[in-house]
Amino acid sequence: MALSEFDLIHRFFQSESLQCGQGVILGIGDDCALLNLRPGEQLAVSMDTMVSGVHFPVDAAAEDIGYRLLAANLSDLAAMGAEPVWFTLALTIPSVNESWLEGFSRGLAQLAGEFHLSLVGGDTTRGPLTLTVQVHGRIPVGQALRRDGAYAGDYIYVSGSLGDSAAGLALALNPPSLLSATDSYLLERFYRPTPRVEMGRLLRPYASAVIDISDGLLGDLQHILQRSHMGAELELQHVPLSEQLLATMPRQDALLKALTGGEDFELCFTVNPADEANMLRELQRLQVPLTRIGTIAHRTGLRMALDGEEFSLPAHLGFQHF
């Protein structure tokens, strides 16, 4: 007998591993969830949709899809300095494939358990595979990190390494017959990014502006510059590139992936030089590389140099997400 919508929800999405958050008065099973914030907190909300064949390959493993879907949303909360607490899921599937659903819910549960997130509602329907998650985070009033606070003289930092996810996507679309350790690393960076949630929380006292890198470093930095009405000067030789990425392509190609590839879900942020030392001291316990790549400038526009020479993107590359 085919599973009904309610049977599907109960079997795959009401497990203890997806019901581990705080502040849930009433979760899945009623018309609405009832949720409590603590006194002095605000709610941060973000939502993303992923479509099969657009945001992930049609033959991607269901477990990886579930993990990546939630990780991408959690990265938005990280960029605001919010603590994740709840999420909802809208699931559109062409048919009820129990094996696929088991893998998908397992990927969700793995990351939800790590951050003590509760799945508190959503919807299921039939159609082309389309997945939407809305995440909810809490943050002390007045402490949210935003895009509009960068000021001239602030240093520009990025976390981790950039370009790995774009290289991983290329491998996922055209997999080699035999995966090397380098290939596996890059695929992991695409399918299983690490949302920098704790980093965002620790940046609250120090960062003047923050964004997560989903559309590529240059595209996302432009959002900070536009919202802050500032410009920037970048020293591209400092953009962090992993050994694995550099092992697969020339440095110039790796740099272009880092600048425009997107979906690394690292953080790009600005910090006043007077706060830099304290910020680095506070974040060193995370053991995540932080790299200063440039400076915010009064003059609008983005100026780039590579090894002391002016640098321009090839004409066919831009900042658009689509």
C-alpha atoms as a PDB file:
ATOM      1  CA  MET A   1       0.000   0.000   0.000  1.00  0.00           C
ATOM      2  CA  ALA A   2       1.315   3.456  -0.931  1.00  0.00           C
ATOM      3  CA  LEU A   3       2.234   5.739   1.934  1.00  0.00           C
ATOM      4  CA  SER A   4      -0.150   8.608   2.630  1.00  0.00           C
ATOM      5  CA  GLU A   5       1.228  12.107   3.216  1.00  0.00           C
ATOM      6  CA  PHE A   6       0.756  11.729   6.962  1.00  0.00           C
ATOM      7  CA  ASP A   7       2.361   8.276   7.025  1.00  0.00           C
ATOM      8  CA  LEU A   8       5.314   9.671   5.045  1.00  0.00           C
ATOM      9  CA  ILE A   9       5.786  12.534   7.510  1.00  0.00           C
ATOM     10  CA  HIS A  10       5.492  10.277  10.537  1.00  0.00           C
ATOM     11  CA  ARG A  11       7.886   7.638   9.195  1.00  0.00           C
ATOM     12  CA  PHE A  12      10.654   9.815   7.832  1.00  0.00           C
ATOM     13  CA  PHE A  13      10.423  13.203   9.547  1.00  0.00           C
ATOM     14  CA  GLN A  14       9.182  12.707  13.111  1.00  0.00           C
ATOM     15  CA  SER A  15      12.189  10.825  14.427  1.00  0.00           C
ATOM     16  CA  GLU A  16      13.847  11.892  17.687  1.00  0.00           C
ATOM     17  CA  SER A  17      16.912  13.018  15.714  1.00  0.00           C
ATOM     18  CA  LEU A  18      14.772  15.684  14.025  1.00  0.00           C
ATOM     19  CA  GLN A  19      12.975  16.762  17.207  1.00  0.00           C
ATOM     20  CA  CYS A  20      15.880  17.778  19.416  1.00  0.00           C
ATOM     21  CA  GLY A  21      15.583  21.581  19.637  1.00  0.00           C
ATOM     22  CA  GLN A  22      14.503  23.863  22.450  1.00  0.00           C
ATOM     23  CA  GLY A  23      11.497  26.116  22.803  1.00  0.00           C
ATOM     24  CA  VAL A  24       9.075  23.857  20.906  1.00  0.00           C
ATOM     25  CA  ILE A  25       5.665  23.996  22.559  1.00  0.00           C
ATOM     26  CA  LEU A  26       3.867  22.255  19.682  1.00  0.00           C
ATOM     27  CA  GLY A  27       5.669  20.803  16.670  1.00  0.00           C
ATOM     28  CA  ILE A  28       4.698  18.562  13.755  1.00  0.00           C
ATOM     29  CA  GLY A  29       1.126  17.275  13.774  1.00  0.00           C
ATOM     30  CA  ASP A  30      -1.030  20.386  14.130  1.00  0.00           C
ATOM     31  CA  ASP A  31      -1.956  23.287  11.854  1.00  0.00           C
ATOM     32  CA  CYS A  32       0.914  25.423  13.163  1.00  0.00           C
ATOM     33  CA  ALA A  33       3.964  25.021  15.338  1.00  0.00           C
ATOM     34  CA  LEU A  34       4.097  26.923  18.620  1.00  0.00           C
ATOM     35  CA  LEU A  35       7.578  28.158  19.491  1.00  0.00           C
ATOM     36  CA  ASN A  36       9.043  30.162  22.369  1.00  0.00           C
ATOM     37  CA  LEU A  37      11.857  32.673  22.196  1.00  0.00           C
ATOM     38  CA  ARG A  38      13.674  33.554  25.393  1.00  0.00           C
ATOM     39  CA  PRO A  39      13.322  37.105  26.779  1.00  0.00           C
ATOM     40  CA  GLY A  40      15.607  39.591  25.029  1.00  0.00           C
ATOM     41  CA  GLU A  41      15.918  37.574  21.816  1.00  0.00           C
ATOM     42  CA  GLN A  42      15.000  38.250  18.204  1.00  0.00           C
ATOM     43  CA  LEU A  43      14.108  35.707  15.514  1.00  0.00           C
ATOM     44  CA  ALA A  44      16.276  35.382  12.401  1.00  0.00           C
ATOM     45  CA  VAL A  45      14.587  33.601   9.472  1.00  0.00           C
ATOM     46  CA  SER A  46      15.960  32.454   6.108  1.00  0.00           C
ATOM     47  CA  MET A  47      14.675  30.195   3.329  1.00  0.00           C
ATOM     48  CA  ASP A  48      16.298  28.495   0.333  1.00  0.00           C
ATOM     49  CA  THR A  49      14.996  26.246  -2.421  1.00  0.00           C
ATOM     50  CA  MET A  50      16.999  23.630  -4.321  1.00  0.00           C
ATOM     51  CA  VAL A  51      15.802  22.054  -7.563  1.00  0.00           C
ATOM     52  CA  SER A  52      17.069  18.778  -8.985  1.00  0.00           C
ATOM     53  CA  GLY A  53      19.269  19.359 -12.029  1.00  0.00           C
ATOM     54  CA  VAL A  54      19.736  23.024 -11.116  1.00  0.00           C
ATOM     55  CA  HIS A  55      21.259  23.068  -7.631  1.00  0.00           C
ATOM     56  CA  PHE A  56      22.436  19.460  -7.473  1.00  0.00           C
ATOM     57  CA  PRO A  57      22.922  16.657 -10.035  1.00  0.00           C
ATOM     58  CA  VAL A  58      19.879  14.484 -10.668  1.00  0.00           C
ATOM     59  CA  ASP A  59      21.807  11.375  -9.588  1.00  0.00           C
ATOM     60  CA  ALA A  60      23.166  12.869  -6.342  1.00  0.00           C
ATOM     61  CA  ALA A  61      22.877  10.680  -3.253  1.00  0.00           C
ATOM     62  CA  ALA A  62      19.748  11.492  -1.248  1.00  0.00           C
ATOM     63  CA  GLU A  63      21.699  11.693   2.016  1.00  0.00           C
ATOM     64  CA  ASP A  64      24.071  14.272   0.549  1.00  0.00           C
ATOM     65  CA  ILE A  65      21.132  16.304  -0.784  1.00  0.00           C
ATOM     66  CA  GLY A  66      19.499  16.424   2.653  1.00  0.00           C
ATOM     67  CA  TYR A  67      22.730  17.452   4.327  1.00  0.00           C
ATOM     68  CA  ARG A  68      23.556  20.124   1.745  1.00  0.00           C
ATOM     69  CA  LEU A  69      20.062  21.599   1.764  1.00  0.00           C
ATOM     70  CA  LEU A  70      20.140  22.214   5.502  1.00  0.00           C
ATOM     71  CA  ALA A  71      23.802  23.312   5.536  1.00  0.00           C
ATOM     72  CA  ALA A  72      23.161  26.026   2.945  1.00  0.00           C
ATOM     73  CA  ASN A  73      20.346  27.438   5.068  1.00  0.00           C
ATOM     74  CA  LEU A  74      22.345  27.269   8.289  1.00  0.00           C
ATOM     75  CA  SER A  75      25.087  29.260   6.584  1.00  0.00           C
ATOM     76  CA  ASP A  76      22.645  32.179   6.296  1.00  0.00           C
ATOM     77  CA  LEU A  77      22.039  32.053  10.048  1.00  0.00           C
ATOM     78  CA  ALA A  78      25.807  31.917  10.621  1.00  0.00           C
ATOM     79  CA  ALA A  79      26.216  35.119   8.627  1.00  0.00           C
ATOM     80  CA  MET A  80      23.761  36.847  10.975  1.00  0.00           C
ATOM     81  CA  GLY A  81      25.401  35.502  14.132  1.00  0.00           C
ATOM     82  CA  ALA A  82      22.210  33.581  14.977  1.00  0.00           C
ATOM     83  CA  GLU A  83      21.875  30.345  16.940  1.00  0.00           C
ATOM     84  CA  PRO A  84      19.847  27.794  14.914  1.00  0.00           C
ATOM     85  CA  VAL A  85      16.828  26.339  16.719  1.00  0.00           C
ATOM     86  CA  TRP A  86      14.082  25.232  14.296  1.00  0.00           C
ATOM     87  CA  PHE A  87      13.410  24.538  10.642  1.00  0.00           C
ATOM     88  CA  THR A  88      10.528  23.704   8.321  1.00  0.00           C
ATOM     89  CA  LEU A  89      10.611  21.604   5.144  1.00  0.00           C
ATOM     90  CA  ALA A  90       8.585  21.768   1.933  1.00  0.00           C
ATOM     91  CA  LEU A  91       9.171  18.573  -0.021  1.00  0.00           C
ATOM     92  CA  THR A  92       8.011  18.156  -3.623  1.00  0.00           C
ATOM     93  CA  ILE A  93       8.768  14.672  -4.976  1.00  0.00           C
ATOM     94  CA  PRO A  94       7.796  12.924  -8.224  1.00  0.00           C
ATOM     95  CA  SER A  95       6.860   9.715  -6.358  1.00  0.00           C
ATOM     96  CA  VAL A  96       7.190   8.077  -2.958  1.00  0.00           C
ATOM     97  CA  ASN A  97      10.592   6.387  -3.120  1.00  0.00           C
ATOM     98  CA  GLU A  98      11.103   5.015   0.381  1.00  0.00           C
ATOM     99  CA  SER A  99      14.813   4.336  -0.080  1.00  0.00           C
ATOM    100  CA  TRP A 100      15.383   7.913  -1.288  1.00  0.00           C
ATOM    101  CA  LEU A 101      13.341   9.359   1.584  1.00  0.00           C
ATOM    102  CA  GLU A 102      15.279   7.321   4.136  1.00  0.00           C
ATOM    103  CA  GLY A 103      18.573   8.669   2.809  1.00  0.00           C
ATOM    104  CA  PHE A 104      17.311  12.236   2.532  1.00  0.00           C
ATOM    105  CA  SER A 105      15.915  12.302   6.075  1.00  0.00           C
ATOM    106  CA  ARG A 106      19.137  10.720   7.359  1.00  0.00           C
ATOM    107  CA  GLY A 107      21.205  13.537   5.821  1.00  0.00           C
ATOM    108  CA  LEU A 108      18.898  16.125   7.362  1.00  0.00           C
ATOM    109  CA  ALA A 109      19.007  14.421  10.745  1.00  0.00           C
ATOM    110  CA  GLN A 110      22.802  14.217  10.775  1.00  0.00           C
ATOM    111  CA  LEU A 111      23.211  17.989  10.574  1.00  0.00           C
ATOM    112  CA  ALA A 112      20.091  18.809  12.596  1.00  0.00           C
ATOM    113  CA  GLY A 113      21.408  16.695  15.449  1.00  0.00           C
ATOM    114  CA  GLU A 114      24.761  18.475  15.367  1.00  0.00           C
ATOM    115  CA  PHE A 115      23.047  21.828  15.906  1.00  0.00           C
ATOM    116  CA  HIS A 116      20.152  20.576  18.093  1.00  0.00           C
ATOM    117  CA  LEU A 117      17.591  21.666  15.522  1.00  0.00           C
ATOM    118  CA  SER A 118      13.938  20.625  15.533  1.00  0.00           C
ATOM    119  CA  LEU A 119      11.894  20.087  12.380  1.00  0.00           C
ATOM    120  CA  VAL A 120       8.643  21.816  13.363  1.00  0.00           C
ATOM    121  CA  GLY A 121       6.515  21.721  10.210  1.00  0.00           C
ATOM    122  CA  GLY A 122       6.283  21.883   6.454  1.00  0.00           C
ATOM    123  CA  ASP A 123       4.454  20.370   3.522  1.00  0.00           C
ATOM    124  CA  THR A 124       4.708  17.526   1.012  1.00  0.00           C
ATOM    125  CA  THR A 125       3.363  17.393  -2.522  1.00  0.00           C
ATOM    126  CA  ARG A 126       3.896  15.586  -5.823  1.00  0.00           C
ATOM    127  CA  GLY A 127       5.894  17.128  -8.673  1.00  0.00           C
ATOM    128  CA  PRO A 128       9.458  17.617  -9.979  1.00  0.00           C
ATOM    129  CA  LEU A 129      11.989  17.154  -7.170  1.00  0.00           C
ATOM    130  CA  THR A 130      12.094  20.528  -5.392  1.00  0.00           C
ATOM    131  CA  LEU A 131      13.254  21.025  -1.807  1.00  0.00           C
ATOM    132  CA  THR A 132      12.719  24.084   0.379  1.00  0.00           C
ATOM    133  CA  VAL A 133      13.935  24.642   3.922  1.00  0.00           C
ATOM    134  CA  GLN A 134      13.190  27.605   6.150  1.00  0.00           C
ATOM    135  CA  VAL A 135      15.479  27.956   9.155  1.00  0.00           C
ATOM    136  CA  HIS A 136      14.829  29.916  12.339  1.00  0.00           C
ATOM    137  CA  GLY A 137      17.559  31.196  14.617  1.00  0.00           C
ATOM    138  CA  ARG A 138      17.615  33.258  17.780  1.00  0.00           C
ATOM    139  CA  ILE A 139      19.901  36.138  18.560  1.00  0.00           C
ATOM    140  CA  PRO A 140      20.135  38.677  21.399  1.00  0.00           C
ATOM    141  CA  VAL A 141      18.361  41.917  20.587  1.00  0.00           C
ATOM    142  CA  GLY A 142      20.682  44.358  18.827  1.00  0.00           C
ATOM    143  CA  GLN A 143      23.487  41.830  18.181  1.00  0.00           C
ATOM    144  CA  ALA A 144      22.582  40.620  14.683  1.00  0.00           C
ATOM    145  CA  LEU A 145      25.380  40.769  12.130  1.00  0.00           C
ATOM    146  CA  ARG A 146      24.432  42.599   8.937  1.00  0.00           C
ATOM    147  CA  ARG A 147      25.783  43.591   5.538  1.00  0.00           C
ATOM    148  CA  ASP A 148      25.542  47.349   5.937  1.00  0.00           C
ATOM    149  CA  GLY A 149      28.161  48.172   8.566  1.00  0.00           C
ATOM    150  CA  ALA A 150      31.454  48.121   6.677  1.00  0.00           C
ATOM    151  CA  TYR A 151      33.482  51.326   6.974  1.00  0.00           C
ATOM    152  CA  ALA A 152      36.560  52.709   5.224  1.00  0.00           C
ATOM    153  CA  GLY A 153      39.731  51.200   6.655  1.00  0.00           C
ATOM    154  CA  ASP A 154      38.079  47.976   7.817  1.00  0.00           C
ATOM    155  CA  TYR A 155      39.951  44.815   6.928  1.00  0.00           C
ATOM    156  CA  ILE A 156      38.236  42.213   4.735  1.00  0.00           C
ATOM    157  CA  TYR A 157      38.517  38.594   5.903  1.00  0.00           C
ATOM    158  CA  VAL A 158      37.340  35.226   4.628  1.00  0.00           C
ATOM    159  CA  SER A 159      37.181  31.907   6.425  1.00  0.00           C
ATOM    160  CA  GLY A 160      38.431  28.559   5.136  1.00  0.00           C
ATOM    161  CA  SER A 161      39.406  28.136   1.497  1.00  0.00           C
ATOM    162  CA  LEU A 162      37.454  29.178  -1.589  1.00  0.00           C
ATOM    163  CA  GLY A 163      36.725  27.562  -4.944  1.00  0.00           C
ATOM    164  CA  ASP A 164      36.568  23.981  -3.671  1.00  0.00           C
ATOM    165  CA  SER A 165      32.805  23.689  -4.000  1.00  0.00           C
ATOM    166  CA  ALA A 166      32.773  24.865  -7.615  1.00  0.00           C
ATOM    167  CA  ALA A 167      35.469  22.320  -8.436  1.00  0.00           C
ATOM    168  CA  GLY A 168      33.470  19.655  -6.595  1.00  0.00           C
ATOM    169  CA  LEU A 169      30.368  20.482  -8.631  1.00  0.00           C
ATOM    170  CA  ALA A 170      32.351  20.082 -11.865  1.00  0.00           C
ATOM    171  CA  LEU A 171      33.430  16.632 -10.679  1.00  0.00           C
ATOM    172  CA  ALA A 172      29.873  15.717  -9.681  1.00  0.00           C
ATOM    173  CA  LEU A 173      28.633  16.629 -13.165  1.00  0.00           C
ATOM    174  CA  ASN A 174      31.458  14.759 -14.936  1.00  0.00           C
ATOM    175  CA  PRO A 175      32.754  12.134 -12.498  1.00  0.00           C
ATOM    176  CA  PRO A 176      36.029  10.391 -13.347  1.00  0.00           C
ATOM    177  CA  SER A 177      36.031   6.609 -13.592  1.00  0.00           C
ATOM    178  CA  LEU A 178      38.213   6.395 -10.496  1.00  0.00           C
ATOM    179  CA  LEU A 179      38.069   8.983  -7.703  1.00  0.00           C
ATOM    180  CA  SER A 180      41.332  10.182  -6.182  1.00  0.00           C
ATOM    181  CA  ALA A 181      41.650  11.451  -2.612  1.00  0.00           C
ATOM    182  CA  THR A 182      41.717  14.975  -4.034  1.00  0.00           C
ATOM    183  CA  ASP A 183      38.504  14.341  -5.987  1.00  0.00           C
ATOM    184  CA  SER A 184      36.806  12.996  -2.864  1.00  0.00           C
ATOM    185  CA  TYR A 185      37.816  16.074  -0.880  1.00  0.00           C
ATOM    186  CA  LEU A 186      36.393  18.450  -3.486  1.00  0.00           C
ATOM    187  CA  LEU A 187      33.150  16.467  -3.779  1.00  0.00           C
ATOM    188  CA  GLU A 188      32.811  16.558  -0.004  1.00  0.00           C
ATOM    189  CA  ARG A 189      33.219  20.321  -0.045  1.00  0.00           C
ATOM    190  CA  PHE A 190      30.354  20.584  -2.527  1.00  0.00           C
ATOM    191  CA  TYR A 191      27.944  18.095  -0.982  1.00  0.00           C
ATOM    192  CA  ARG A 192      28.790  18.608   2.688  1.00  0.00           C
ATOM    193  CA  PRO A 193      29.793  22.224   3.349  1.00  0.00           C
ATOM    194  CA  THR A 194      30.409  23.319   6.926  1.00  0.00           C
ATOM    195  CA  PRO A 195      28.099  26.134   8.058  1.00  0.00           C
ATOM    196  CA  ARG A 196      30.224  28.473  10.209  1.00  0.00           C
ATOM    197  CA  VAL A 197      27.582  28.878  12.905  1.00  0.00           C
ATOM    198  CA  GLU A 198      29.918  29.115  15.901  1.00  0.00           C
ATOM    199  CA  MET A 199      32.149  31.532  14.017  1.00  0.00           C
ATOM    200  CA  GLY A 200      29.191  33.797  13.347  1.00  0.00           C
ATOM    201  CA  ARG A 201      28.285  33.798  17.026  1.00  0.00           C
ATOM    202  CA  LEU A 202      31.844  34.682  18.049  1.00  0.00           C
ATOM    203  CA  LEU A 203      32.019  37.473  15.465  1.00  0.00           C
ATOM    204  CA  ARG A 204      29.126  39.406  17.015  1.00  0.00           C
ATOM    205  CA  PRO A 205      31.322  41.807  19.054  1.00  0.00           C
ATOM    206  CA  TYR A 206      33.884  42.347  16.289  1.00  0.00           C
ATOM    207  CA  ALA A 207      32.560  42.158  12.714  1.00  0.00           C
ATOM    208  CA  SER A 208      31.201  45.327  11.120  1.00  0.00           C
ATOM    209  CA  ALA A 209      29.611  43.478   8.180  1.00  0.00           C
ATOM    210  CA  VAL A 210      29.198  39.780   7.303  1.00  0.00           C
ATOM    211  CA  ILE A 211      27.884  37.671   4.435  1.00  0.00           C
ATOM    212  CA  ASP A 212      28.123  33.987   3.619  1.00  0.00           C
ATOM    213  CA  ILE A 213      29.748  33.097   0.318  1.00  0.00           C
ATOM    214  CA  SER A 214      27.051  31.491  -1.792  1.00  0.00           C
ATOM    215  CA  ASP A 215      27.301  33.422  -5.091  1.00  0.00           C
ATOM    216  CA  GLY A 216      31.089  33.670  -5.206  1.00  0.00           C
ATOM    217  CA  LEU A 217      33.433  35.928  -3.253  1.00  0.00           C
ATOM    218  CA  LEU A 218      33.188  38.891  -5.619  1.00  0.00           C
ATOM    219  CA  GLY A 219      29.431  38.760  -5.980  1.00  0.00           C
ATOM    220  CA  ASP A 220      28.838  38.500  -2.253  1.00  0.00           C
ATOM    221  CA  LEU A 221      31.415  41.124  -1.331  1.00  0.00           C
ATOM    222  CA  GLN A 222      29.613  43.442  -3.755  1.00  0.00           C
ATOM    223  CA  HIS A 223      26.483  43.033  -1.618  1.00  0.00           C
ATOM    224  CA  ILE A 224      28.390  44.281   1.428  1.00  0.00           C
ATOM    225  CA  LEU A 225      29.807  47.205  -0.548  1.00  0.00           C
ATOM    226  CA  GLN A 226      26.423  48.200  -1.950  1.00  0.00           C
ATOM    227  CA  ARG A 227      24.646  47.997   1.396  1.00  0.00           C
ATOM    228  CA  SER A 228      27.466  49.858   3.160  1.00  0.00           C
ATOM    229  CA  HIS A 229      27.972  52.437   0.356  1.00  0.00           C
ATOM    230  CA  MET A 230      31.680  51.675   0.288  1.00  0.00           C
ATOM    231  CA  GLY A 231      34.349  50.351  -2.054  1.00  0.00           C
ATOM    232  CA  ALA A 232      37.121  47.816  -1.584  1.00  0.00           C
ATOM    233  CA  GLU A 233      40.676  47.009  -2.563  1.00  0.00           C
ATOM    234  CA  LEU A 234      41.555  43.316  -2.813  1.00  0.00           C
ATOM    235  CA  GLU A 235      44.980  41.668  -2.913  1.00  0.00           C
ATOM    236  CA  LEU A 236      44.078  38.495  -4.772  1.00  0.00           C
ATOM    237  CA  GLN A 237      47.329  36.678  -4.026  1.00  0.00           C
ATOM    238  CA  HIS A 238      46.001  36.329  -0.477  1.00  0.00           C
ATOM    239  CA  VAL A 239      42.713  34.639  -1.446  1.00  0.00           C
ATOM    240  CA  PRO A 240      42.941  31.226   0.272  1.00  0.00           C
ATOM    241  CA  LEU A 241      43.114  28.270  -2.143  1.00  0.00           C
ATOM    242  CA  SER A 242      43.328  24.691  -0.910  1.00  0.00           C
ATOM    243  CA  GLU A 243      46.172  22.369  -1.852  1.00  0.00           C
ATOM    244  CA  GLN A 244      43.580  20.023  -3.324  1.00  0.00           C
ATOM    245  CA  LEU A 245      42.163  22.698  -5.634  1.00  0.00           C
ATOM    246  CA  LEU A 246      45.637  23.766  -6.767  1.00  0.00           C
ATOM    247  CA  ALA A 247      46.483  20.124  -7.480  1.00  0.00           C
ATOM    248  CA  THR A 248      43.734  19.940 -10.099  1.00  0.00           C
ATOM    249  CA  MET A 249      44.238  23.157 -12.094  1.00  0.00           C
ATOM    250  CA  PRO A 250      46.563  26.129 -12.666  1.00  0.00           C
ATOM    251  CA  ARG A 251      46.605  28.844 -10.013  1.00  0.00           C
ATOM    252  CA  GLN A 252      44.811  31.351 -12.262  1.00  0.00           C
ATOM    253  CA  ASP A 253      41.923  28.941 -12.901  1.00  0.00           C
ATOM    254  CA  ALA A 254      41.717  28.101  -9.209  1.00  0.00           C
ATOM    255  CA  LEU A 255      41.587  31.797  -8.371  1.00  0.00           C
ATOM    256  CA  LEU A 256      38.713  32.364 -10.818  1.00  0.00           C
ATOM    257  CA  LYS A 257      36.751  29.544  -9.181  1.00  0.00           C
ATOM    258  CA  ALA A 258      37.376  31.126  -5.791  1.00  0.00           C
ATOM    259  CA  LEU A 259      36.237  34.541  -6.996  1.00  0.00           C
ATOM    260  CA  THR A 260      33.118  33.540  -8.939  1.00  0.00           C
ATOM    261  CA  GLY A 261      32.335  29.868  -8.331  1.00  0.00           C
ATOM    262  CA  GLY A 262      30.171  30.210  -5.251  1.00  0.00           C
ATOM    263  CA  GLU A 263      28.552  27.876  -2.742  1.00  0.00           C
ATOM    264  CA  ASP A 264      31.607  27.503  -0.512  1.00  0.00           C
ATOM    265  CA  PHE A 265      29.398  28.749   2.355  1.00  0.00           C
ATOM    266  CA  GLU A 266      32.391  30.298   4.074  1.00  0.00           C
ATOM    267  CA  LEU A 267      32.047  33.708   5.731  1.00  0.00           C
ATOM    268  CA  CYS A 268      33.300  36.992   4.305  1.00  0.00           C
ATOM    269  CA  PHE A 269      33.426  39.741   6.920  1.00  0.00           C
ATOM    270  CA  THR A 270      34.910  43.112   7.724  1.00  0.00           C
ATOM    271  CA  VAL A 271      36.526  44.185  10.978  1.00  0.00           C
ATOM    272  CA  ASN A 272      37.951  47.430  12.333  1.00  0.00           C
ATOM    273  CA  PRO A 273      41.770  47.198  12.608  1.00  0.00           C
ATOM    274  CA  ALA A 274      41.484  48.107  16.311  1.00  0.00           C
ATOM    275  CA  ASP A 275      39.429  44.928  16.874  1.00  0.00           C
ATOM    276  CA  GLU A 276      41.496  42.616  14.692  1.00  0.00           C
ATOM    277  CA  ALA A 277      43.809  41.200  17.367  1.00  0.00           C
ATOM    278  CA  ASN A 278      40.989  40.442  19.809  1.00  0.00           C
ATOM    279  CA  MET A 279      38.916  38.912  17.038  1.00  0.00           C
ATOM    280  CA  LEU A 280      41.731  36.609  15.924  1.00  0.00           C
ATOM    281  CA  ARG A 281      42.417  35.593  19.526  1.00  0.00           C
ATOM    282  CA  GLU A 282      38.753  34.763  20.098  1.00  0.00           C
ATOM    283  CA  LEU A 283      38.338  32.762  16.888  1.00  0.00           C
ATOM    284  CA  GLN A 284      41.586  30.795  17.016  1.00  0.00           C
ATOM    285  CA  ARG A 285      39.948  28.093  19.143  1.00  0.00           C
ATOM    286  CA  LEU A 286      37.743  27.153  16.185  1.00  0.00           C
ATOM    287  CA  GLN A 287      40.851  26.063  14.256  1.00  0.00           C
ATOM    288  CA  VAL A 288      39.394  27.446  11.021  1.00  0.00           C
ATOM    289  CA  PRO A 289      41.816  29.422   8.824  1.00  0.00           C
ATOM    290  CA  LEU A 290      41.079  33.156   8.579  1.00  0.00           C
ATOM    291  CA  THR A 291      42.691  35.212   5.826  1.00  0.00           C
ATOM    292  CA  ARG A 292      42.846  38.975   5.371  1.00  0.00           C
ATOM    293  CA  ILE A 293      42.370  39.650   1.654  1.00  0.00           C
ATOM    294  CA  GLY A 294      41.826  43.401   1.410  1.00  0.00           C
ATOM    295  CA  THR A 295      40.538  46.660   2.820  1.00  0.00           C
ATOM    296  CA  ILE A 296      37.303  48.640   2.656  1.00  0.00           C
ATOM    297  CA  ALA A 297      37.713  52.003   0.900  1.00  0.00           C
ATOM    298  CA  HIS A 298      35.722  55.262   0.816  1.00  0.00           C
ATOM    299  CA  ARG A 299      35.800  55.380  -2.969  1.00  0.00           C
ATOM    300  CA  THR A 300      33.057  53.160  -4.368  1.00  0.00           C
ATOM    301  CA  GLY A 301      33.889  50.282  -6.682  1.00  0.00           C
ATOM    302  CA  LEU A 302      35.997  47.166  -6.375  1.00  0.00           C
ATOM    303  CA  ARG A 303      39.668  47.358  -7.293  1.00  0.00           C
ATOM    304  CA  MET A 304      41.743  44.190  -7.529  1.00  0.00           C
ATOM    305  CA  ALA A 305      45.454  43.494  -7.749  1.00  0.00           C
ATOM    306  CA  LEU A 306      47.322  40.216  -8.158  1.00  0.00           C
ATOM    307  CA  ASP A 307      50.979  40.141  -7.137  1.00  0.00           C
ATOM    308  CA  GLY A 308      51.133  43.925  -7.438  1.00  0.00           C
ATOM    309  CA  GLU A 309      49.522  44.110 -10.888  1.00  0.00           C
ATOM    310  CA  GLU A 310      46.005  45.361 -11.620  1.00  0.00           C
ATOM    311  CA  PHE A 311      43.633  42.462 -12.201  1.00  0.00           C
ATOM    312  CA  SER A 312      40.359  42.271 -14.153  1.00  0.00           C
ATOM    313  CA  LEU A 313      37.974  39.377 -14.575  1.00  0.00           C
ATOM    314  CA  PRO A 314      37.558  37.821 -18.019  1.00  0.00           C
ATOM    315  CA  ALA A 315      34.609  39.468 -19.767  1.00  0.00           C
ATOM    316  CA  HIS A 316      32.399  36.344 -19.668  1.00  0.00           C
ATOM    317  CA  LEU A 317      32.546  36.099 -15.886  1.00  0.00           C
ATOM    318  CA  GLY A 318      30.279  38.094 -13.630  1.00  0.00           C
ATOM    319  CA  PHE A 319      28.515  38.050 -10.330  1.00  0.00           C
ATOM    320  CA  GLN A 320      25.062  36.738 -11.296  1.00  0.00           C
ATOM    321  CA  HIS A 321      23.721  33.701  -9.454  1.00  0.00           C
ATOM    322  CA  PHE A 322      21.689  32.396 -12.419  1.00  0.00           C
END
